[in-house]
Amino acid sequence: MLVRLLYASRAVDTSPAAIEAILQQSRSHNTTSGITGILCYGGGVFLQAIEGGRNAISELYGHIQRDARHKDVVLLHYEEIAERRFGGWTMGQVNLSRLNASTVLKYSEKPELDPYAVSGKVSLALLEELMATAAIVGRP
């Protein structure tokens, strides 16, 4: 059974090297676990959707909750799915430098990434729009 999980967290270390290390580890692990997804990062905040088998997603989310590189981990949305929406990526990353602030403002009170201030469904809608309007890096 396929599931999709959406969560937010804050980075403990916001250096480019630390963020890149998280992405590299995700891409390496996710390929072997059949997990696909997309990561949006900005202002020290991660917004990530992951898809795959229920057990693999549950195990990964548990790991993320215990990972010292993340804090304030919050589950935003969880659902059973018939098909993957992010199947083309082992872990795609939204390039926020190519993002128009009005896109984020469409979904929130301020033009900054803050998934803690909106519902999970709104965060998922934002990710879908970012996929359609922003550059995605990390395609395998």
N, C-alpha and C. Protein backbone atom coordinates (compact mmCIF):
# COMPACT_ATOMS: atom_id res chain seq x y z
N MET A 1 0.84 -1.18 0.00
CA MET A 1 0.00 0.00 0.00
C MET A 1 0.88 1.24 0.00
N LEU A 2 0.57 2.18 -0.89
CA LEU A 2 1.31 3.43 -0.97
C LEU A 2 0.69 4.49 -0.07
N VAL A 3 1.56 5.30 0.54
CA VAL A 3 1.11 6.41 1.37
C VAL A 3 1.95 7.65 1.04
N ARG A 4 1.39 8.81 1.41
CA ARG A 4 2.11 10.08 1.29
C ARG A 4 2.09 10.73 2.66
N LEU A 5 3.24 11.21 3.10
CA LEU A 5 3.37 11.89 4.38
C LEU A 5 3.99 13.25 4.13
N LEU A 6 3.45 14.26 4.76
CA LEU A 6 3.96 15.63 4.64
C LEU A 6 4.31 16.10 6.04
N TYR A 7 5.53 16.62 6.21
CA TYR A 7 5.93 17.12 7.52
C TYR A 7 6.73 18.40 7.37
N ALA A 8 6.85 19.10 8.47
CA ALA A 8 7.70 20.28 8.55
C ALA A 8 8.69 20.07 9.68
N SER A 9 9.86 20.68 9.54
CA SER A 9 10.85 20.68 10.62
C SER A 9 11.74 21.90 10.45
N ARG A 10 12.50 22.16 11.48
CA ARG A 10 13.48 23.25 11.43
C ARG A 10 14.88 22.64 11.43
N ALA A 11 15.76 23.22 10.63
CA ALA A 11 17.13 22.74 10.56
C ALA A 11 17.90 23.22 11.79
N VAL A 12 18.67 22.33 12.39
CA VAL A 12 19.53 22.71 13.50
C VAL A 12 20.74 23.47 12.95
N ASP A 13 21.32 22.97 11.87
CA ASP A 13 22.45 23.61 11.19
C ASP A 13 21.96 24.06 9.81
N THR A 14 21.94 25.35 9.57
CA THR A 14 21.40 25.87 8.31
C THR A 14 22.48 26.15 7.25
N SER A 15 23.69 25.68 7.48
CA SER A 15 24.75 25.91 6.50
C SER A 15 24.45 25.13 5.22
N PRO A 16 24.87 25.66 4.07
CA PRO A 16 24.64 24.95 2.80
C PRO A 16 25.19 23.52 2.82
N ALA A 17 26.33 23.32 3.46
CA ALA A 17 26.92 21.97 3.52
C ALA A 17 26.03 21.01 4.31
N ALA A 18 25.45 21.48 5.39
CA ALA A 18 24.58 20.62 6.21
C ALA A 18 23.31 20.26 5.45
N ILE A 19 22.73 21.22 4.74
CA ILE A 19 21.51 20.97 3.96
C ILE A 19 21.82 20.00 2.83
N GLU A 20 22.94 20.18 2.16
CA GLU A 20 23.33 19.29 1.07
C GLU A 20 23.57 17.87 1.59
N ALA A 21 24.14 17.75 2.79
CA ALA A 21 24.37 16.42 3.37
C ALA A 21 23.05 15.70 3.63
N ILE A 22 22.05 16.42 4.09
CA ILE A 22 20.73 15.82 4.32
C ILE A 22 20.14 15.34 2.98
N LEU A 23 20.26 16.18 1.95
CA LEU A 23 19.75 15.79 0.63
C LEU A 23 20.46 14.56 0.08
N GLN A 24 21.78 14.53 0.18
CA GLN A 24 22.54 13.40 -0.35
C GLN A 24 22.18 12.11 0.38
N GLN A 25 22.04 12.17 1.70
CA GLN A 25 21.67 10.98 2.46
C GLN A 25 20.27 10.53 2.08
N SER A 26 19.36 11.48 1.90
CA SER A 26 17.99 11.15 1.51
C SER A 26 17.96 10.43 0.17
N ARG A 27 18.66 10.99 -0.80
CA ARG A 27 18.66 10.39 -2.14
C ARG A 27 19.24 8.99 -2.12
N SER A 28 20.30 8.79 -1.37
CA SER A 28 20.95 7.49 -1.29
C SER A 28 20.03 6.46 -0.62
N HIS A 29 19.47 6.80 0.51
CA HIS A 29 18.61 5.88 1.27
C HIS A 29 17.30 5.63 0.55
N ASN A 30 16.69 6.67 0.02
CA ASN A 30 15.35 6.56 -0.55
C ASN A 30 15.31 5.68 -1.79
N THR A 31 16.36 5.68 -2.58
CA THR A 31 16.40 4.85 -3.78
C THR A 31 16.24 3.38 -3.41
N THR A 32 16.98 2.93 -2.41
CA THR A 32 16.93 1.52 -2.02
C THR A 32 15.64 1.17 -1.27
N SER A 33 14.97 2.17 -0.70
CA SER A 33 13.75 1.92 0.07
C SER A 33 12.47 2.15 -0.74
N GLY A 34 12.61 2.55 -2.01
CA GLY A 34 11.44 2.80 -2.84
C GLY A 34 10.68 4.05 -2.45
N ILE A 35 11.38 5.02 -1.86
CA ILE A 35 10.75 6.26 -1.41
C ILE A 35 11.05 7.37 -2.40
N THR A 36 10.01 8.13 -2.74
CA THR A 36 10.16 9.30 -3.60
C THR A 36 9.65 10.50 -2.82
N GLY A 37 9.98 11.70 -3.30
CA GLY A 37 9.49 12.87 -2.58
C GLY A 37 10.05 14.16 -3.09
N ILE A 38 9.69 15.19 -2.38
CA ILE A 38 10.16 16.54 -2.73
C ILE A 38 10.41 17.30 -1.43
N LEU A 39 11.44 18.11 -1.44
CA LEU A 39 11.85 18.88 -0.27
C LEU A 39 11.86 20.35 -0.62
N CYS A 40 11.24 21.14 0.22
CA CYS A 40 11.27 22.59 0.07
C CYS A 40 11.97 23.13 1.32
N TYR A 41 12.98 23.95 1.12
CA TYR A 41 13.74 24.48 2.25
C TYR A 41 13.90 25.97 2.09
N GLY A 42 13.64 26.70 3.16
CA GLY A 42 13.85 28.14 3.14
C GLY A 42 13.73 28.71 4.53
N GLY A 43 14.58 29.65 4.85
CA GLY A 43 14.52 30.31 6.14
C GLY A 43 14.69 29.36 7.32
N GLY A 44 15.45 28.30 7.12
CA GLY A 44 15.69 27.34 8.20
C GLY A 44 14.59 26.31 8.36
N VAL A 45 13.59 26.32 7.47
CA VAL A 45 12.44 25.43 7.59
C VAL A 45 12.41 24.44 6.43
N PHE A 46 12.18 23.17 6.76
CA PHE A 46 11.96 22.13 5.77
C PHE A 46 10.47 21.87 5.64
N LEU A 47 10.00 21.71 4.43
CA LEU A 47 8.67 21.21 4.13
C LEU A 47 8.90 20.06 3.18
N GLN A 48 8.54 18.84 3.59
CA GLN A 48 8.87 17.69 2.78
C GLN A 48 7.69 16.76 2.64
N ALA A 49 7.48 16.28 1.41
CA ALA A 49 6.50 15.24 1.12
C ALA A 49 7.29 14.00 0.75
N ILE A 50 6.95 12.86 1.36
CA ILE A 50 7.58 11.58 1.04
C ILE A 50 6.49 10.57 0.71
N GLU A 51 6.77 9.71 -0.27
CA GLU A 51 5.82 8.71 -0.72
C GLU A 51 6.50 7.35 -0.80
N GLY A 52 5.73 6.32 -0.55
CA GLY A 52 6.26 4.96 -0.67
C GLY A 52 5.37 4.00 0.09
N GLY A 53 5.91 2.82 0.34
CA GLY A 53 5.18 1.82 1.11
C GLY A 53 4.96 2.30 2.54
N ARG A 54 3.86 1.88 3.13
CA ARG A 54 3.50 2.36 4.47
C ARG A 54 4.60 2.09 5.49
N ASN A 55 5.16 0.88 5.49
CA ASN A 55 6.21 0.56 6.47
C ASN A 55 7.47 1.39 6.25
N ALA A 56 7.87 1.56 4.99
CA ALA A 56 9.07 2.34 4.70
C ALA A 56 8.89 3.80 5.10
N ILE A 57 7.72 4.37 4.84
CA ILE A 57 7.46 5.77 5.20
C ILE A 57 7.40 5.93 6.71
N SER A 58 6.76 4.99 7.39
CA SER A 58 6.68 5.05 8.85
C SER A 58 8.08 4.99 9.47
N GLU A 59 8.90 4.10 8.94
CA GLU A 59 10.27 3.96 9.46
C GLU A 59 11.08 5.24 9.21
N LEU A 60 10.96 5.80 8.00
CA LEU A 60 11.70 7.01 7.68
C LEU A 60 11.25 8.18 8.55
N TYR A 61 9.95 8.34 8.73
CA TYR A 61 9.46 9.45 9.54
C TYR A 61 9.94 9.31 11.00
N GLY A 62 9.95 8.09 11.51
CA GLY A 62 10.49 7.87 12.85
C GLY A 62 11.96 8.27 12.94
N HIS A 63 12.71 7.95 11.89
CA HIS A 63 14.13 8.34 11.85
C HIS A 63 14.28 9.87 11.84
N ILE A 64 13.45 10.53 11.04
CA ILE A 64 13.52 11.99 10.96
C ILE A 64 13.21 12.62 12.33
N GLN A 65 12.23 12.07 13.03
CA GLN A 65 11.88 12.59 14.35
C GLN A 65 13.04 12.47 15.34
N ARG A 66 13.86 11.44 15.19
CA ARG A 66 14.99 11.22 16.10
C ARG A 66 16.28 11.86 15.60
N ASP A 67 16.31 12.35 14.36
CA ASP A 67 17.51 12.90 13.75
C ASP A 67 17.87 14.23 14.41
N ALA A 68 19.08 14.31 14.94
CA ALA A 68 19.53 15.52 15.64
C ALA A 68 19.67 16.73 14.72
N ARG A 69 19.62 16.51 13.40
CA ARG A 69 19.72 17.63 12.46
C ARG A 69 18.39 18.36 12.28
N HIS A 70 17.31 17.76 12.80
CA HIS A 70 15.97 18.35 12.71
C HIS A 70 15.46 18.67 14.10
N LYS A 71 14.67 19.73 14.21
CA LYS A 71 13.95 20.02 15.45
C LYS A 71 12.55 20.49 15.08
N ASP A 72 11.66 20.49 16.04
CA ASP A 72 10.27 20.92 15.82
C ASP A 72 9.62 20.16 14.67
N VAL A 73 9.81 18.84 14.63
CA VAL A 73 9.23 18.01 13.57
C VAL A 73 7.72 17.88 13.82
N VAL A 74 6.92 18.25 12.81
CA VAL A 74 5.46 18.23 12.93
C VAL A 74 4.86 17.51 11.72
N LEU A 75 3.99 16.54 11.98
CA LEU A 75 3.26 15.85 10.93
C LEU A 75 2.14 16.78 10.44
N LEU A 76 2.13 17.08 9.14
CA LEU A 76 1.14 17.99 8.58
C LEU A 76 0.01 17.26 7.86
N HIS A 77 0.34 16.14 7.22
CA HIS A 77 -0.66 15.43 6.42
C HIS A 77 -0.19 14.01 6.18
N TYR A 78 -1.13 13.06 6.19
CA TYR A 78 -0.83 11.65 5.92
C TYR A 78 -2.03 11.07 5.20
N GLU A 79 -1.78 10.35 4.10
CA GLU A 79 -2.90 9.74 3.38
C GLU A 79 -2.45 8.52 2.60
N GLU A 80 -3.39 7.59 2.40
CA GLU A 80 -3.17 6.48 1.49
C GLU A 80 -3.37 7.03 0.08
N ILE A 81 -2.55 6.58 -0.87
CA ILE A 81 -2.63 7.10 -2.22
C ILE A 81 -2.71 5.96 -3.24
N ALA A 82 -3.32 6.23 -4.37
CA ALA A 82 -3.41 5.25 -5.44
C ALA A 82 -2.18 5.30 -6.34
N GLU A 83 -1.56 6.49 -6.43
CA GLU A 83 -0.36 6.64 -7.24
C GLU A 83 0.51 7.76 -6.68
N ARG A 84 1.78 7.69 -7.05
CA ARG A 84 2.73 8.69 -6.58
C ARG A 84 2.58 10.00 -7.36
N ARG A 85 2.73 11.09 -6.68
CA ARG A 85 2.73 12.40 -7.32
C ARG A 85 4.18 12.85 -7.58
N PHE A 86 5.11 12.34 -6.78
CA PHE A 86 6.52 12.74 -6.87
C PHE A 86 7.39 11.56 -7.31
N GLY A 87 6.85 10.69 -8.16
CA GLY A 87 7.53 9.47 -8.57
C GLY A 87 8.79 9.70 -9.39
N GLY A 88 8.95 10.87 -9.98
CA GLY A 88 10.12 11.15 -10.81
C GLY A 88 11.35 11.54 -10.03
N TRP A 89 11.24 11.64 -8.71
CA TRP A 89 12.37 12.09 -7.91
C TRP A 89 12.65 11.12 -6.77
N THR A 90 13.95 10.86 -6.51
CA THR A 90 14.30 10.17 -5.28
C THR A 90 14.24 11.17 -4.14
N MET A 91 14.54 12.43 -4.42
CA MET A 91 14.32 13.53 -3.49
C MET A 91 14.58 14.83 -4.24
N GLY A 92 13.55 15.33 -4.89
CA GLY A 92 13.67 16.59 -5.60
C GLY A 92 13.70 17.74 -4.62
N GLN A 93 14.33 18.82 -5.00
CA GLN A 93 14.41 19.99 -4.13
C GLN A 93 13.89 21.20 -4.90
N VAL A 94 12.98 21.92 -4.28
CA VAL A 94 12.47 23.15 -4.89
C VAL A 94 13.53 24.23 -4.75
N ASN A 95 13.84 24.90 -5.85
CA ASN A 95 14.82 25.98 -5.85
C ASN A 95 14.10 27.27 -5.47
N LEU A 96 14.13 27.63 -4.19
CA LEU A 96 13.40 28.81 -3.72
C LEU A 96 13.96 30.11 -4.27
N SER A 97 15.19 30.10 -4.77
CA SER A 97 15.74 31.33 -5.34
C SER A 97 15.02 31.71 -6.64
N ARG A 98 14.31 30.76 -7.25
CA ARG A 98 13.56 31.04 -8.48
C ARG A 98 12.07 31.24 -8.20
N LEU A 99 11.74 31.39 -6.93
CA LEU A 99 10.35 31.47 -6.51
C LEU A 99 9.85 32.90 -6.43
N ASN A 100 8.69 33.15 -6.97
CA ASN A 100 8.03 34.44 -6.85
C ASN A 100 7.34 34.47 -5.49
N ALA A 101 7.60 35.49 -4.69
CA ALA A 101 7.01 35.59 -3.34
C ALA A 101 5.50 35.55 -3.38
N SER A 102 4.90 35.99 -4.47
CA SER A 102 3.43 35.98 -4.56
C SER A 102 2.88 34.56 -4.56
N THR A 103 3.68 33.59 -5.00
CA THR A 103 3.23 32.20 -4.96
C THR A 103 3.04 31.74 -3.52
N VAL A 104 3.99 32.04 -2.66
CA VAL A 104 3.88 31.67 -1.24
C VAL A 104 2.76 32.48 -0.59
N LEU A 105 2.67 33.75 -0.92
CA LEU A 105 1.66 34.63 -0.34
C LEU A 105 0.24 34.14 -0.67
N LYS A 106 0.09 33.48 -1.79
CA LYS A 106 -1.21 32.93 -2.19
C LYS A 106 -1.73 31.94 -1.13
N TYR A 107 -0.81 31.27 -0.41
CA TYR A 107 -1.18 30.23 0.53
C TYR A 107 -0.99 30.60 2.00
N SER A 108 -0.45 31.77 2.28
CA SER A 108 -0.19 32.11 3.67
C SER A 108 -0.32 33.61 3.92
N GLU A 109 -0.25 33.98 5.19
CA GLU A 109 -0.42 35.38 5.58
C GLU A 109 0.76 36.25 5.16
N LYS A 110 1.95 35.66 5.14
CA LYS A 110 3.17 36.41 4.79
C LYS A 110 3.89 35.70 3.65
N PRO A 111 4.68 36.43 2.87
CA PRO A 111 5.37 35.82 1.72
C PRO A 111 6.64 35.07 2.12
N GLU A 112 6.53 34.20 3.11
CA GLU A 112 7.67 33.39 3.54
C GLU A 112 7.19 31.99 3.86
N LEU A 113 8.07 31.02 3.66
CA LEU A 113 7.73 29.62 3.90
C LEU A 113 7.51 29.40 5.40
N ASP A 114 6.27 29.09 5.79
CA ASP A 114 5.96 28.80 7.19
C ASP A 114 4.84 27.76 7.26
N PRO A 115 5.20 26.48 7.04
CA PRO A 115 4.18 25.43 7.08
C PRO A 115 3.55 25.25 8.46
N TYR A 116 4.16 25.81 9.50
CA TYR A 116 3.61 25.72 10.85
C TYR A 116 2.36 26.58 11.01
N ALA A 117 2.18 27.55 10.11
CA ALA A 117 1.07 28.50 10.23
C ALA A 117 -0.13 28.17 9.34
N VAL A 118 -0.03 27.08 8.56
CA VAL A 118 -1.12 26.71 7.65
C VAL A 118 -1.44 25.22 7.81
N SER A 119 -2.54 24.80 7.22
CA SER A 119 -2.93 23.39 7.30
C SER A 119 -2.05 22.52 6.41
N GLY A 120 -2.08 21.23 6.65
CA GLY A 120 -1.34 20.29 5.82
C GLY A 120 -1.80 20.31 4.38
N LYS A 121 -3.11 20.43 4.16
CA LYS A 121 -3.63 20.46 2.79
C LYS A 121 -3.15 21.71 2.05
N VAL A 122 -3.07 22.83 2.75
CA VAL A 122 -2.55 24.05 2.14
C VAL A 122 -1.07 23.88 1.80
N SER A 123 -0.31 23.26 2.71
CA SER A 123 1.12 23.03 2.44
C SER A 123 1.31 22.11 1.24
N LEU A 124 0.47 21.08 1.11
CA LEU A 124 0.56 20.18 -0.03
C LEU A 124 0.22 20.93 -1.33
N ALA A 125 -0.80 21.78 -1.28
CA ALA A 125 -1.15 22.59 -2.46
C ALA A 125 0.00 23.51 -2.85
N LEU A 126 0.67 24.09 -1.85
CA LEU A 126 1.83 24.94 -2.13
C LEU A 126 2.92 24.13 -2.81
N LEU A 127 3.23 22.93 -2.29
CA LEU A 127 4.26 22.10 -2.91
C LEU A 127 3.90 21.77 -4.36
N GLU A 128 2.64 21.47 -4.61
CA GLU A 128 2.22 21.16 -5.97
C GLU A 128 2.41 22.36 -6.89
N GLU A 129 2.09 23.53 -6.41
CA GLU A 129 2.28 24.73 -7.23
C GLU A 129 3.77 25.02 -7.43
N LEU A 130 4.56 24.79 -6.40
CA LEU A 130 6.00 25.01 -6.53
C LEU A 130 6.59 24.06 -7.58
N MET A 131 6.07 22.84 -7.63
CA MET A 131 6.54 21.89 -8.65
C MET A 131 6.25 22.44 -10.04
N ALA A 132 5.09 23.09 -10.18
CA ALA A 132 4.68 23.58 -11.50
C ALA A 132 5.36 24.89 -11.88
N THR A 133 5.81 25.68 -10.90
CA THR A 133 6.31 27.01 -11.22
C THR A 133 7.79 27.24 -10.89
N ALA A 134 8.37 26.44 -10.03
CA ALA A 134 9.78 26.65 -9.64
C ALA A 134 10.64 25.56 -10.24
N ALA A 135 11.93 25.82 -10.30
CA ALA A 135 12.86 24.80 -10.80
C ALA A 135 13.01 23.72 -9.73
N ILE A 136 13.03 22.47 -10.20
CA ILE A 136 13.25 21.33 -9.31
C ILE A 136 14.64 20.79 -9.61
N VAL A 137 15.43 20.63 -8.58
CA VAL A 137 16.76 20.05 -8.76
C VAL A 137 16.78 18.70 -8.07
N GLY A 138 17.65 17.82 -8.55
CA GLY A 138 17.79 16.52 -7.91
C GLY A 138 17.10 15.38 -8.62
N ARG A 139 16.68 15.58 -9.86
CA ARG A 139 16.07 14.50 -10.62
C ARG A 139 17.16 13.45 -10.86
N PRO A 140 16.82 12.16 -10.66
CA PRO A 140 17.85 11.12 -10.81
C PRO A 140 18.34 10.99 -12.24
